[in-house]
Amino acid sequence: MELHITAQEKELLAEVLRQHQRELMLEISHAAHHDFKVALRDRARLLEELLKRLDAAEPAVKRAS
């Protein structure tokens, strides 16, 4: 899949994902059940990889027609 976003959209998306990442880490630290913690950690790893790819991606540049 390919997604074209502007620099402003990329910044907003990264901000939202980082906020969710912080909330997820807090939820992991408070989780009581092992299986739930494992699932949350898997989700956190996926989110971290997504953020790395987003940070490395170049935003699309809109060109005048």
PDB file of N, CA and C in Angstrom:
ATOM      1  N   MET A   1       0.845  -1.169   0.000  1.00  0.00           N
ATOM      2  CA  MET A   1       0.000   0.000   0.000  1.00  0.00           C
ATOM      3  C   MET A   1       0.896   1.239   0.000  1.00  0.00           C
ATOM      4  N   GLU A   2       0.445   2.243  -0.650  1.00  0.00           N
ATOM      5  CA  GLU A   2       1.175   3.498  -0.694  1.00  0.00           C
ATOM      6  C   GLU A   2       0.249   4.614  -0.221  1.00  0.00           C
ATOM      7  N   LEU A   3       0.785   5.491   0.615  1.00  0.00           N
ATOM      8  CA  LEU A   3       0.005   6.583   1.172  1.00  0.00           C
ATOM      9  C   LEU A   3       0.781   7.874   0.957  1.00  0.00           C
ATOM     10  N   HIS A   4       0.147   8.844   0.342  1.00  0.00           N
ATOM     11  CA  HIS A   4       0.789  10.140   0.112  1.00  0.00           C
ATOM     12  C   HIS A   4       0.213  11.154   1.092  1.00  0.00           C
ATOM     13  N   ILE A   5       1.100  11.741   1.892  1.00  0.00           N
ATOM     14  CA  ILE A   5       0.674  12.744   2.861  1.00  0.00           C
ATOM     15  C   ILE A   5       1.613  13.943   2.793  1.00  0.00           C
ATOM     16  N   THR A   6       1.124  15.054   3.248  1.00  0.00           N
ATOM     17  CA  THR A   6       1.941  16.261   3.284  1.00  0.00           C
ATOM     18  C   THR A   6       2.815  16.247   4.540  1.00  0.00           C
ATOM     19  N   ALA A   7       3.740  17.159   4.602  1.00  0.00           N
ATOM     20  CA  ALA A   7       4.610  17.268   5.778  1.00  0.00           C
ATOM     21  C   ALA A   7       3.785  17.571   7.028  1.00  0.00           C
ATOM     22  N   GLN A   8       2.785  18.405   6.893  1.00  0.00           N
ATOM     23  CA  GLN A   8       1.930  18.753   8.035  1.00  0.00           C
ATOM     24  C   GLN A   8       1.134  17.533   8.500  1.00  0.00           C
ATOM     25  N   GLU A   9       0.617  16.757   7.563  1.00  0.00           N
ATOM     26  CA  GLU A   9      -0.123  15.540   7.911  1.00  0.00           C
ATOM     27  C   GLU A   9       0.798  14.511   8.567  1.00  0.00           C
ATOM     28  N   LYS A  10       2.015  14.403   8.051  1.00  0.00           N
ATOM     29  CA  LYS A  10       2.997  13.476   8.622  1.00  0.00           C
ATOM     30  C   LYS A  10       3.301  13.856  10.066  1.00  0.00           C
ATOM     31  N   GLU A  11       3.478  15.130  10.317  1.00  0.00           N
ATOM     32  CA  GLU A  11       3.773  15.619  11.670  1.00  0.00           C
ATOM     33  C   GLU A  11       2.616  15.310  12.621  1.00  0.00           C
ATOM     34  N   LEU A  12       1.398  15.551  12.177  1.00  0.00           N
ATOM     35  CA  LEU A  12       0.227  15.284  13.002  1.00  0.00           C
ATOM     36  C   LEU A  12       0.080  13.790  13.274  1.00  0.00           C
ATOM     37  N   LEU A  13       0.252  12.983  12.262  1.00  0.00           N
ATOM     38  CA  LEU A  13       0.142  11.536  12.429  1.00  0.00           C
ATOM     39  C   LEU A  13       1.188  11.017  13.412  1.00  0.00           C
ATOM     40  N   ALA A  14       2.409  11.484  13.292  1.00  0.00           N
ATOM     41  CA  ALA A  14       3.472  11.070  14.211  1.00  0.00           C
ATOM     42  C   ALA A  14       3.146  11.499  15.641  1.00  0.00           C
ATOM     43  N   GLU A  15       2.624  12.688  15.808  1.00  0.00           N
ATOM     44  CA  GLU A  15       2.262  13.190  17.137  1.00  0.00           C
ATOM     45  C   GLU A  15       1.170  12.312  17.766  1.00  0.00           C
ATOM     46  N   VAL A  16       0.162  11.978  16.996  1.00  0.00           N
ATOM     47  CA  VAL A  16      -0.937  11.142  17.495  1.00  0.00           C
ATOM     48  C   VAL A  16      -0.419   9.747  17.854  1.00  0.00           C
ATOM     49  N   LEU A  17       0.424   9.188  17.004  1.00  0.00           N
ATOM     50  CA  LEU A  17       0.965   7.857  17.271  1.00  0.00           C
ATOM     51  C   LEU A  17       1.877   7.849  18.496  1.00  0.00           C
ATOM     52  N   ARG A  18       2.676   8.882  18.675  1.00  0.00           N
ATOM     53  CA  ARG A  18       3.547   8.953  19.855  1.00  0.00           C
ATOM     54  C   ARG A  18       2.729   9.092  21.139  1.00  0.00           C
ATOM     55  N   GLN A  19       1.646   9.852  21.070  1.00  0.00           N
ATOM     56  CA  GLN A  19       0.774   9.977  22.241  1.00  0.00           C
ATOM     57  C   GLN A  19       0.166   8.622  22.578  1.00  0.00           C
ATOM     58  N   HIS A  20      -0.285   7.909  21.574  1.00  0.00           N
ATOM     59  CA  HIS A  20      -0.841   6.574  21.808  1.00  0.00           C
ATOM     60  C   HIS A  20       0.229   5.636  22.360  1.00  0.00           C
ATOM     61  N   GLN A  21       1.450   5.792  21.880  1.00  0.00           N
ATOM     62  CA  GLN A  21       2.557   4.969  22.356  1.00  0.00           C
ATOM     63  C   GLN A  21       2.784   5.201  23.857  1.00  0.00           C
ATOM     64  N   ARG A  22       2.764   6.444  24.286  1.00  0.00           N
ATOM     65  CA  ARG A  22       2.932   6.757  25.711  1.00  0.00           C
ATOM     66  C   ARG A  22       1.797   6.137  26.540  1.00  0.00           C
ATOM     67  N   GLU A  23       0.575   6.253  26.043  1.00  0.00           N
ATOM     68  CA  GLU A  23      -0.565   5.680  26.748  1.00  0.00           C
ATOM     69  C   GLU A  23      -0.471   4.158  26.812  1.00  0.00           C
ATOM     70  N   LEU A  24      -0.003   3.563  25.738  1.00  0.00           N
ATOM     71  CA  LEU A  24       0.147   2.115  25.680  1.00  0.00           C
ATOM     72  C   LEU A  24       1.194   1.633  26.689  1.00  0.00           C
ATOM     73  N   MET A  25       2.297   2.351  26.809  1.00  0.00           N
ATOM     74  CA  MET A  25       3.329   1.984  27.772  1.00  0.00           C
ATOM     75  C   MET A  25       2.788   2.048  29.201  1.00  0.00           C
ATOM     76  N   LEU A  26       1.987   3.033  29.481  1.00  0.00           N
ATOM     77  CA  LEU A  26       1.364   3.155  30.806  1.00  0.00           C
ATOM     78  C   LEU A  26       0.404   1.989  31.032  1.00  0.00           C
ATOM     79  N   GLU A  27      -0.362   1.655  30.018  1.00  0.00           N
ATOM     80  CA  GLU A  27      -1.298   0.537  30.140  1.00  0.00           C
ATOM     81  C   GLU A  27      -0.550  -0.781  30.372  1.00  0.00           C
ATOM     82  N   ILE A  28       0.573  -0.961  29.693  1.00  0.00           N
ATOM     83  CA  ILE A  28       1.379  -2.169  29.891  1.00  0.00           C
ATOM     84  C   ILE A  28       1.860  -2.254  31.332  1.00  0.00           C
ATOM     85  N   SER A  29       2.316  -1.134  31.867  1.00  0.00           N
ATOM     86  CA  SER A  29       2.846  -1.150  33.236  1.00  0.00           C
ATOM     87  C   SER A  29       1.770  -1.444  34.273  1.00  0.00           C
ATOM     88  N   HIS A  30       0.512  -1.169  33.944  1.00  0.00           N
ATOM     89  CA  HIS A  30      -0.579  -1.409  34.888  1.00  0.00           C
ATOM     90  C   HIS A  30      -1.329  -2.716  34.637  1.00  0.00           C
ATOM     91  N   ALA A  31      -1.028  -3.383  33.550  1.00  0.00           N
ATOM     92  CA  ALA A  31      -1.744  -4.619  33.214  1.00  0.00           C
ATOM     93  C   ALA A  31      -1.389  -5.731  34.206  1.00  0.00           C
ATOM     94  N   ALA A  32      -2.399  -6.459  34.636  1.00  0.00           N
ATOM     95  CA  ALA A  32      -2.193  -7.507  35.627  1.00  0.00           C
ATOM     96  C   ALA A  32      -2.034  -8.889  34.993  1.00  0.00           C
ATOM     97  N   HIS A  33      -2.674  -9.113  33.886  1.00  0.00           N
ATOM     98  CA  HIS A  33      -2.675 -10.439  33.261  1.00  0.00           C
ATOM     99  C   HIS A  33      -1.553 -10.565  32.231  1.00  0.00           C
ATOM    100  N   HIS A  34      -0.812 -11.653  32.348  1.00  0.00           N
ATOM    101  CA  HIS A  34       0.349 -11.883  31.487  1.00  0.00           C
ATOM    102  C   HIS A  34      -0.022 -11.867  29.996  1.00  0.00           C
ATOM    103  N   ASP A  35      -1.074 -12.578  29.623  1.00  0.00           N
ATOM    104  CA  ASP A  35      -1.457 -12.650  28.205  1.00  0.00           C
ATOM    105  C   ASP A  35      -1.831 -11.279  27.658  1.00  0.00           C
ATOM    106  N   PHE A  36      -2.481 -10.472  28.477  1.00  0.00           N
ATOM    107  CA  PHE A  36      -2.848  -9.127  28.049  1.00  0.00           C
ATOM    108  C   PHE A  36      -1.601  -8.267  27.871  1.00  0.00           C
ATOM    109  N   LYS A  37      -0.640  -8.398  28.788  1.00  0.00           N
ATOM    110  CA  LYS A  37       0.623  -7.661  28.675  1.00  0.00           C
ATOM    111  C   LYS A  37       1.365  -8.047  27.404  1.00  0.00           C
ATOM    112  N   VAL A  38       1.383  -9.337  27.095  1.00  0.00           N
ATOM    113  CA  VAL A  38       2.057  -9.811  25.887  1.00  0.00           C
ATOM    114  C   VAL A  38       1.409  -9.184  24.652  1.00  0.00           C
ATOM    115  N   ALA A  39       0.090  -9.179  24.621  1.00  0.00           N
ATOM    116  CA  ALA A  39      -0.624  -8.589  23.482  1.00  0.00           C
ATOM    117  C   ALA A  39      -0.329  -7.095  23.364  1.00  0.00           C
ATOM    118  N   LEU A  40      -0.288  -6.408  24.492  1.00  0.00           N
ATOM    119  CA  LEU A  40       0.017  -4.972  24.474  1.00  0.00           C
ATOM    120  C   LEU A  40       1.451  -4.723  24.018  1.00  0.00           C
ATOM    121  N   ARG A  41       2.379  -5.560  24.460  1.00  0.00           N
ATOM    122  CA  ARG A  41       3.780  -5.409  24.029  1.00  0.00           C
ATOM    123  C   ARG A  41       3.924  -5.645  22.529  1.00  0.00           C
ATOM    124  N   ASP A  42       3.196  -6.624  22.008  1.00  0.00           N
ATOM    125  CA  ASP A  42       3.213  -6.861  20.561  1.00  0.00           C
ATOM    126  C   ASP A  42       2.705  -5.629  19.810  1.00  0.00           C
ATOM    127  N   ARG A  43       1.651  -5.052  20.336  1.00  0.00           N
ATOM    128  CA  ARG A  43       1.083  -3.840  19.724  1.00  0.00           C
ATOM    129  C   ARG A  43       2.085  -2.677  19.818  1.00  0.00           C
ATOM    130  N   ALA A  44       2.775  -2.576  20.939  1.00  0.00           N
ATOM    131  CA  ALA A  44       3.769  -1.514  21.122  1.00  0.00           C
ATOM    132  C   ALA A  44       4.928  -1.676  20.139  1.00  0.00           C
ATOM    133  N   ARG A  45       5.361  -2.909  19.905  1.00  0.00           N
ATOM    134  CA  ARG A  45       6.430  -3.153  18.926  1.00  0.00           C
ATOM    135  C   ARG A  45       5.984  -2.771  17.518  1.00  0.00           C
ATOM    136  N   LEU A  46       4.759  -3.121  17.179  1.00  0.00           N
ATOM    137  CA  LEU A  46       4.214  -2.763  15.873  1.00  0.00           C
ATOM    138  C   LEU A  46       4.136  -1.244  15.715  1.00  0.00           C
ATOM    139  N   LEU A  47       3.705  -0.580  16.751  1.00  0.00           N
ATOM    140  CA  LEU A  47       3.613   0.877  16.734  1.00  0.00           C
ATOM    141  C   LEU A  47       4.995   1.507  16.593  1.00  0.00           C
ATOM    142  N   GLU A  48       5.987   0.969  17.284  1.00  0.00           N
ATOM    143  CA  GLU A  48       7.361   1.484  17.194  1.00  0.00           C
ATOM    144  C   GLU A  48       7.895   1.351  15.769  1.00  0.00           C
ATOM    145  N   GLU A  49       7.658   0.207  15.147  1.00  0.00           N
ATOM    146  CA  GLU A  49       8.103   0.010  13.765  1.00  0.00           C
ATOM    147  C   GLU A  49       7.405   0.970  12.817  1.00  0.00           C
ATOM    148  N   LEU A  50       6.125   1.180  13.030  1.00  0.00           N
ATOM    149  CA  LEU A  50       5.371   2.124  12.206  1.00  0.00           C
ATOM    150  C   LEU A  50       5.926   3.539  12.346  1.00  0.00           C
ATOM    151  N   LEU A  51       6.243   3.939  13.570  1.00  0.00           N
ATOM    152  CA  LEU A  51       6.806   5.267  13.793  1.00  0.00           C
ATOM    153  C   LEU A  51       8.175   5.412  13.125  1.00  0.00           C
ATOM    154  N   LYS A  52       8.987   4.375  13.173  1.00  0.00           N
ATOM    155  CA  LYS A  52      10.292   4.419  12.513  1.00  0.00           C
ATOM    156  C   LYS A  52      10.130   4.602  11.011  1.00  0.00           C
ATOM    157  N   ARG A  53       9.188   3.853  10.426  1.00  0.00           N
ATOM    158  CA  ARG A  53       8.952   3.971   8.988  1.00  0.00           C
ATOM    159  C   ARG A  53       8.392   5.339   8.635  1.00  0.00           C
ATOM    160  N   LEU A  54       7.524   5.857   9.466  1.00  0.00           N
ATOM    161  CA  LEU A  54       6.953   7.184   9.225  1.00  0.00           C
ATOM    162  C   LEU A  54       8.033   8.253   9.317  1.00  0.00           C
ATOM    163  N   ASP A  55       8.908   8.147  10.316  1.00  0.00           N
ATOM    164  CA  ASP A  55       9.991   9.126  10.470  1.00  0.00           C
ATOM    165  C   ASP A  55      10.946   9.101   9.282  1.00  0.00           C
ATOM    166  N   ALA A  56      11.150   7.916   8.708  1.00  0.00           N
ATOM    167  CA  ALA A  56      12.076   7.783   7.584  1.00  0.00           C
ATOM    168  C   ALA A  56      11.449   8.190   6.253  1.00  0.00           C
ATOM    169  N   ALA A  57      10.130   8.227   6.190  1.00  0.00           N
ATOM    170  CA  ALA A  57       9.432   8.512   4.937  1.00  0.00           C
ATOM    171  C   ALA A  57       9.475  10.003   4.610  1.00  0.00           C
ATOM    172  N   GLU A  58       9.569  10.262   3.345  1.00  0.00           N
ATOM    173  CA  GLU A  58       9.499  11.638   2.856  1.00  0.00           C
ATOM    174  C   GLU A  58       8.048  11.974   2.566  1.00  0.00           C
ATOM    175  N   PRO A  59       7.570  13.123   3.011  1.00  0.00           N
ATOM    176  CA  PRO A  59       6.186  13.501   2.702  1.00  0.00           C
ATOM    177  C   PRO A  59       6.045  13.830   1.221  1.00  0.00           C
ATOM    178  N   ALA A  60       4.857  13.629   0.697  1.00  0.00           N
ATOM    179  CA  ALA A  60       4.582  13.974  -0.695  1.00  0.00           C
ATOM    180  C   ALA A  60       4.607  15.483  -0.852  1.00  0.00           C
ATOM    181  N   VAL A  61       5.099  15.934  -1.959  1.00  0.00           N
ATOM    182  CA  VAL A  61       5.133  17.363  -2.251  1.00  0.00           C
ATOM    183  C   VAL A  61       4.061  17.649  -3.292  1.00  0.00           C
ATOM    184  N   LYS A  62       3.173  18.549  -2.964  1.00  0.00           N
ATOM    185  CA  LYS A  62       2.119  18.928  -3.925  1.00  0.00           C
ATOM    186  C   LYS A  62       2.719  19.881  -4.942  1.00  0.00           C
ATOM    187  N   ARG A  63       2.487  19.570  -6.177  1.00  0.00           N
ATOM    188  CA  ARG A  63       3.013  20.416  -7.257  1.00  0.00           C
ATOM    189  C   ARG A  63       1.863  21.140  -7.942  1.00  0.00           C
ATOM    190  N   ALA A  64       2.137  22.349  -8.345  1.00  0.00           N
ATOM    191  CA  ALA A  64       1.128  23.124  -9.075  1.00  0.00           C
ATOM    192  C   ALA A  64       0.915  22.520 -10.456  1.00  0.00           C
ATOM    193  N   SER A  65      -0.334  22.477 -10.898  1.00  0.00           N
ATOM    194  CA  SER A  65      -0.642  21.912 -12.219  1.00  0.00           C
ATOM    195  C   SER A  65      -0.517  22.955 -13.299  1.00  0.00           C
TER     196      SER A  65
END
